Amino acid sequence: MSAEENFKKLQLELPPAPTPIGVYIPFLADGKHGYVSGHGPLLPDKTLIRGRIGEDMDSEQGKLAARQVGLAILATLKHHLGSLDQVKRVIKVLGMVNAHPSFEKHPYIINGCSELFAQVWGIENGIGVRSAVGMATLPDNIPVEIEALFELV
């Protein structure tokens, strides 16, 4: 099945494609690569999930926030490319987690986004290389920010 068919099968709702809150562009296509700037957990009503993992929310809530970031990234890809089928594969994901200093499960949180990408593009093309790091704070006190690099068709 195609990425669009896989996404439709998941019956998930995309938020609107985020607009920049600074001096940058959310997406840049360069030849066969698509770069997506850092995205936060934007909801369909245009609000953000906020809070610090290990303080305001638990690991499961943090993982769901990372999944929501993945949905925001998908919305940006669809907005700029017209279809998720224009993405051949995930190359790299960088996940930043706003976590209490004692929190140590950053990769588990970012799995929320990585698992979504694997469902959309399949195991072979939906899983790329990845980093998951903890941060002292993130913009607007969001729990997760993720940027990604994709290979385009």
C-alpha atoms as a PDB file:
ATOM      1  CA  MET A   1       0.000   0.000   0.000  1.00  0.00           C
ATOM      2  CA  SER A   2       1.056   3.598  -0.563  1.00  0.00           C
ATOM      3  CA  ALA A   3       1.855   6.032   2.242  1.00  0.00           C
ATOM      4  CA  GLU A   4      -1.441   7.845   1.597  1.00  0.00           C
ATOM      5  CA  GLU A   5      -3.373   4.553   1.808  1.00  0.00           C
ATOM      6  CA  ASN A   6      -1.519   3.581   4.992  1.00  0.00           C
ATOM      7  CA  PHE A   7      -2.292   6.950   6.577  1.00  0.00           C
ATOM      8  CA  LYS A   8      -5.964   6.738   5.612  1.00  0.00           C
ATOM      9  CA  LYS A   9      -6.146   3.261   7.172  1.00  0.00           C
ATOM     10  CA  LEU A  10      -4.867   4.680  10.493  1.00  0.00           C
ATOM     11  CA  GLN A  11      -7.899   7.033  10.623  1.00  0.00           C
ATOM     12  CA  LEU A  12      -5.872   9.844  12.167  1.00  0.00           C
ATOM     13  CA  GLU A  13      -6.524  13.559  11.808  1.00  0.00           C
ATOM     14  CA  LEU A  14      -3.783  15.877  10.623  1.00  0.00           C
ATOM     15  CA  PRO A  15      -3.449  19.267  12.257  1.00  0.00           C
ATOM     16  CA  PRO A  16      -3.103  22.267   9.948  1.00  0.00           C
ATOM     17  CA  ALA A  17       0.400  22.658   8.524  1.00  0.00           C
ATOM     18  CA  PRO A  18       2.253  24.750  11.116  1.00  0.00           C
ATOM     19  CA  THR A  19       3.374  28.273  10.287  1.00  0.00           C
ATOM     20  CA  PRO A  20       6.799  29.522  11.416  1.00  0.00           C
ATOM     21  CA  ILE A  21       7.065  31.326  14.747  1.00  0.00           C
ATOM     22  CA  GLY A  22      10.531  32.625  13.878  1.00  0.00           C
ATOM     23  CA  VAL A  23      12.763  33.427  10.937  1.00  0.00           C
ATOM     24  CA  TYR A  24      12.881  30.095   9.092  1.00  0.00           C
ATOM     25  CA  ILE A  25      10.933  28.002   6.614  1.00  0.00           C
ATOM     26  CA  PRO A  26       9.169  24.801   7.733  1.00  0.00           C
ATOM     27  CA  PHE A  27      10.171  22.734   4.677  1.00  0.00           C
ATOM     28  CA  LEU A  28      12.919  22.822   2.083  1.00  0.00           C
ATOM     29  CA  ALA A  29      13.199  20.480  -0.895  1.00  0.00           C
ATOM     30  CA  ASP A  30      16.738  20.188  -2.238  1.00  0.00           C
ATOM     31  CA  GLY A  31      17.008  17.720  -5.099  1.00  0.00           C
ATOM     32  CA  LYS A  32      16.019  14.334  -3.716  1.00  0.00           C
ATOM     33  CA  HIS A  33      15.911  15.469  -0.076  1.00  0.00           C
ATOM     34  CA  GLY A  34      13.217  17.150   1.987  1.00  0.00           C
ATOM     35  CA  TYR A  35      14.251  18.917   5.176  1.00  0.00           C
ATOM     36  CA  VAL A  36      11.608  19.589   7.825  1.00  0.00           C
ATOM     37  CA  SER A  37      12.364  22.206  10.484  1.00  0.00           C
ATOM     38  CA  GLY A  38      11.685  21.491  14.130  1.00  0.00           C
ATOM     39  CA  HIS A  39       7.971  20.927  14.765  1.00  0.00           C
ATOM     40  CA  GLY A  40       6.011  20.863  18.004  1.00  0.00           C
ATOM     41  CA  PRO A  41       2.911  18.930  19.071  1.00  0.00           C
ATOM     42  CA  LEU A  42       0.302  20.940  17.176  1.00  0.00           C
ATOM     43  CA  LEU A  43      -3.296  19.794  17.619  1.00  0.00           C
ATOM     44  CA  PRO A  44      -6.074  20.057  14.994  1.00  0.00           C
ATOM     45  CA  ASP A  45      -7.505  23.099  16.843  1.00  0.00           C
ATOM     46  CA  LYS A  46      -4.109  24.872  16.355  1.00  0.00           C
ATOM     47  CA  THR A  47      -3.186  24.692  20.048  1.00  0.00           C
ATOM     48  CA  LEU A  48       0.004  23.087  21.324  1.00  0.00           C
ATOM     49  CA  ILE A  49       0.426  20.321  23.862  1.00  0.00           C
ATOM     50  CA  ARG A  50       2.470  21.895  26.655  1.00  0.00           C
ATOM     51  CA  GLY A  51       4.375  20.579  29.643  1.00  0.00           C
ATOM     52  CA  ARG A  52       7.566  18.965  30.802  1.00  0.00           C
ATOM     53  CA  ILE A  53       7.930  15.195  30.779  1.00  0.00           C
ATOM     54  CA  GLY A  54       8.594  13.738  34.211  1.00  0.00           C
ATOM     55  CA  GLU A  55       7.054  16.815  35.796  1.00  0.00           C
ATOM     56  CA  ASP A  56       3.770  17.828  34.099  1.00  0.00           C
ATOM     57  CA  MET A  57       3.197  14.611  32.157  1.00  0.00           C
ATOM     58  CA  ASP A  58       4.284  10.983  32.231  1.00  0.00           C
ATOM     59  CA  SER A  59       6.119   8.919  29.605  1.00  0.00           C
ATOM     60  CA  GLU A  60       2.933   7.736  27.887  1.00  0.00           C
ATOM     61  CA  GLN A  61       1.638  11.286  27.529  1.00  0.00           C
ATOM     62  CA  GLY A  62       5.054  12.329  26.224  1.00  0.00           C
ATOM     63  CA  LYS A  63       5.028   9.530  23.664  1.00  0.00           C
ATOM     64  CA  LEU A  64       1.579  10.657  22.484  1.00  0.00           C
ATOM     65  CA  ALA A  65       2.901  14.218  22.219  1.00  0.00           C
ATOM     66  CA  ALA A  66       5.734  12.933  19.999  1.00  0.00           C
ATOM     67  CA  ARG A  67       3.154  11.142  17.832  1.00  0.00           C
ATOM     68  CA  GLN A  68       1.311  14.454  17.519  1.00  0.00           C
ATOM     69  CA  VAL A  69       4.563  16.094  16.390  1.00  0.00           C
ATOM     70  CA  GLY A  70       4.816  13.355  13.752  1.00  0.00           C
ATOM     71  CA  LEU A  71       1.317  14.266  12.567  1.00  0.00           C
ATOM     72  CA  ALA A  72       2.346  17.932  12.319  1.00  0.00           C
ATOM     73  CA  ILE A  73       5.353  16.880  10.215  1.00  0.00           C
ATOM     74  CA  LEU A  74       3.055  14.825   7.968  1.00  0.00           C
ATOM     75  CA  ALA A  75       0.813  17.894   7.584  1.00  0.00           C
ATOM     76  CA  THR A  76       3.813  19.959   6.480  1.00  0.00           C
ATOM     77  CA  LEU A  77       4.909  17.289   3.985  1.00  0.00           C
ATOM     78  CA  LYS A  78       1.402  17.048   2.536  1.00  0.00           C
ATOM     79  CA  HIS A  79       1.098  20.829   2.341  1.00  0.00           C
ATOM     80  CA  HIS A  80       4.392  21.273   0.482  1.00  0.00           C
ATOM     81  CA  LEU A  81       4.508  18.075  -1.592  1.00  0.00           C
ATOM     82  CA  GLY A  82       0.803  17.486  -2.197  1.00  0.00           C
ATOM     83  CA  SER A  83       0.992  13.842  -1.120  1.00  0.00           C
ATOM     84  CA  LEU A  84       2.827  11.635   1.370  1.00  0.00           C
ATOM     85  CA  ASP A  85       3.534   9.381  -1.625  1.00  0.00           C
ATOM     86  CA  GLN A  86       6.142  11.954  -2.706  1.00  0.00           C
ATOM     87  CA  VAL A  87       8.331  10.735   0.181  1.00  0.00           C
ATOM     88  CA  LYS A  88      10.402   7.663  -0.609  1.00  0.00           C
ATOM     89  CA  ARG A  89      11.855   7.124   2.852  1.00  0.00           C
ATOM     90  CA  VAL A  90      12.715   8.589   6.235  1.00  0.00           C
ATOM     91  CA  ILE A  91      16.442   9.304   6.459  1.00  0.00           C
ATOM     92  CA  LYS A  92      16.952  11.001   9.842  1.00  0.00           C
ATOM     93  CA  VAL A  93      14.885  12.072  12.835  1.00  0.00           C
ATOM     94  CA  LEU A  94      16.179  14.318  15.616  1.00  0.00           C
ATOM     95  CA  GLY A  95      13.931  14.332  18.671  1.00  0.00           C
ATOM     96  CA  MET A  96      14.344  16.852  21.471  1.00  0.00           C
ATOM     97  CA  VAL A  97      12.562  16.133  24.751  1.00  0.00           C
ATOM     98  CA  ASN A  98      11.716  18.787  27.343  1.00  0.00           C
ATOM     99  CA  ALA A  99      12.257  16.624  30.409  1.00  0.00           C
ATOM    100  CA  HIS A 100      12.929  16.821  34.108  1.00  0.00           C
ATOM    101  CA  PRO A 101      16.690  16.352  34.762  1.00  0.00           C
ATOM    102  CA  SER A 102      16.073  12.928  36.310  1.00  0.00           C
ATOM    103  CA  PHE A 103      14.176  11.645  33.241  1.00  0.00           C
ATOM    104  CA  GLU A 104      16.201   9.118  31.202  1.00  0.00           C
ATOM    105  CA  LYS A 105      13.856   7.579  28.605  1.00  0.00           C
ATOM    106  CA  HIS A 106      14.146  10.112  25.785  1.00  0.00           C
ATOM    107  CA  PRO A 107      14.249   7.426  23.043  1.00  0.00           C
ATOM    108  CA  TYR A 108      10.972   5.953  24.329  1.00  0.00           C
ATOM    109  CA  ILE A 109       9.281   9.338  23.929  1.00  0.00           C
ATOM    110  CA  ILE A 110      10.524   9.836  20.351  1.00  0.00           C
ATOM    111  CA  ASN A 111       9.243   6.351  19.476  1.00  0.00           C
ATOM    112  CA  GLY A 112       5.818   8.013  19.300  1.00  0.00           C
ATOM    113  CA  CYS A 113       6.891   9.765  16.098  1.00  0.00           C
ATOM    114  CA  SER A 114       9.090   6.956  14.759  1.00  0.00           C
ATOM    115  CA  GLU A 115       6.323   4.363  15.144  1.00  0.00           C
ATOM    116  CA  LEU A 116       3.923   6.645  13.239  1.00  0.00           C
ATOM    117  CA  PHE A 117       6.402   7.046  10.370  1.00  0.00           C
ATOM    118  CA  ALA A 118       6.895   3.255  10.277  1.00  0.00           C
ATOM    119  CA  GLN A 119       3.113   2.809  10.001  1.00  0.00           C
ATOM    120  CA  VAL A 120       2.893   5.338   7.160  1.00  0.00           C
ATOM    121  CA  TRP A 121       5.928   4.305   5.046  1.00  0.00           C
ATOM    122  CA  GLY A 122       6.430   0.744   6.318  1.00  0.00           C
ATOM    123  CA  ILE A 123       9.292  -0.679   8.360  1.00  0.00           C
ATOM    124  CA  GLU A 124      11.793  -0.610   5.488  1.00  0.00           C
ATOM    125  CA  ASN A 125      11.200   3.024   4.459  1.00  0.00           C
ATOM    126  CA  GLY A 126       9.661   4.535   7.569  1.00  0.00           C
ATOM    127  CA  ILE A 127      12.558   3.990   9.964  1.00  0.00           C
ATOM    128  CA  GLY A 128      15.751   5.958   9.506  1.00  0.00           C
ATOM    129  CA  VAL A 129      18.670   6.922  11.687  1.00  0.00           C
ATOM    130  CA  ARG A 130      17.709   8.854  14.797  1.00  0.00           C
ATOM    131  CA  SER A 131      18.841  10.846  17.790  1.00  0.00           C
ATOM    132  CA  ALA A 132      16.782  11.476  20.926  1.00  0.00           C
ATOM    133  CA  VAL A 133      18.106  14.027  23.394  1.00  0.00           C
ATOM    134  CA  GLY A 134      16.909  15.760  26.531  1.00  0.00           C
ATOM    135  CA  MET A 135      16.619  19.525  26.775  1.00  0.00           C
ATOM    136  CA  ALA A 136      16.334  21.855  29.752  1.00  0.00           C
ATOM    137  CA  THR A 137      13.480  23.651  27.995  1.00  0.00           C
ATOM    138  CA  LEU A 138      11.786  23.948  24.598  1.00  0.00           C
ATOM    139  CA  PRO A 139       9.855  26.852  22.995  1.00  0.00           C
ATOM    140  CA  ASP A 140       6.468  27.584  24.592  1.00  0.00           C
ATOM    141  CA  ASN A 141       7.140  24.786  27.115  1.00  0.00           C
ATOM    142  CA  ILE A 142       6.270  22.104  24.549  1.00  0.00           C
ATOM    143  CA  PRO A 143       7.273  18.580  25.628  1.00  0.00           C
ATOM    144  CA  VAL A 144       8.784  17.510  22.291  1.00  0.00           C
ATOM    145  CA  GLU A 145      10.302  19.102  19.201  1.00  0.00           C
ATOM    146  CA  ILE A 146      11.299  17.001  16.207  1.00  0.00           C
ATOM    147  CA  GLU A 147      13.047  17.763  12.928  1.00  0.00           C
ATOM    148  CA  ALA A 148      13.466  15.270  10.096  1.00  0.00           C
ATOM    149  CA  LEU A 149      15.129  14.569   6.775  1.00  0.00           C
ATOM    150  CA  PHE A 150      13.375  12.587   4.024  1.00  0.00           C
ATOM    151  CA  GLU A 151      14.363  11.152   0.666  1.00  0.00           C
ATOM    152  CA  LEU A 152      11.899  12.309  -1.973  1.00  0.00           C
ATOM    153  CA  VAL A 153      10.627  10.403  -4.998  1.00  0.00           C
END
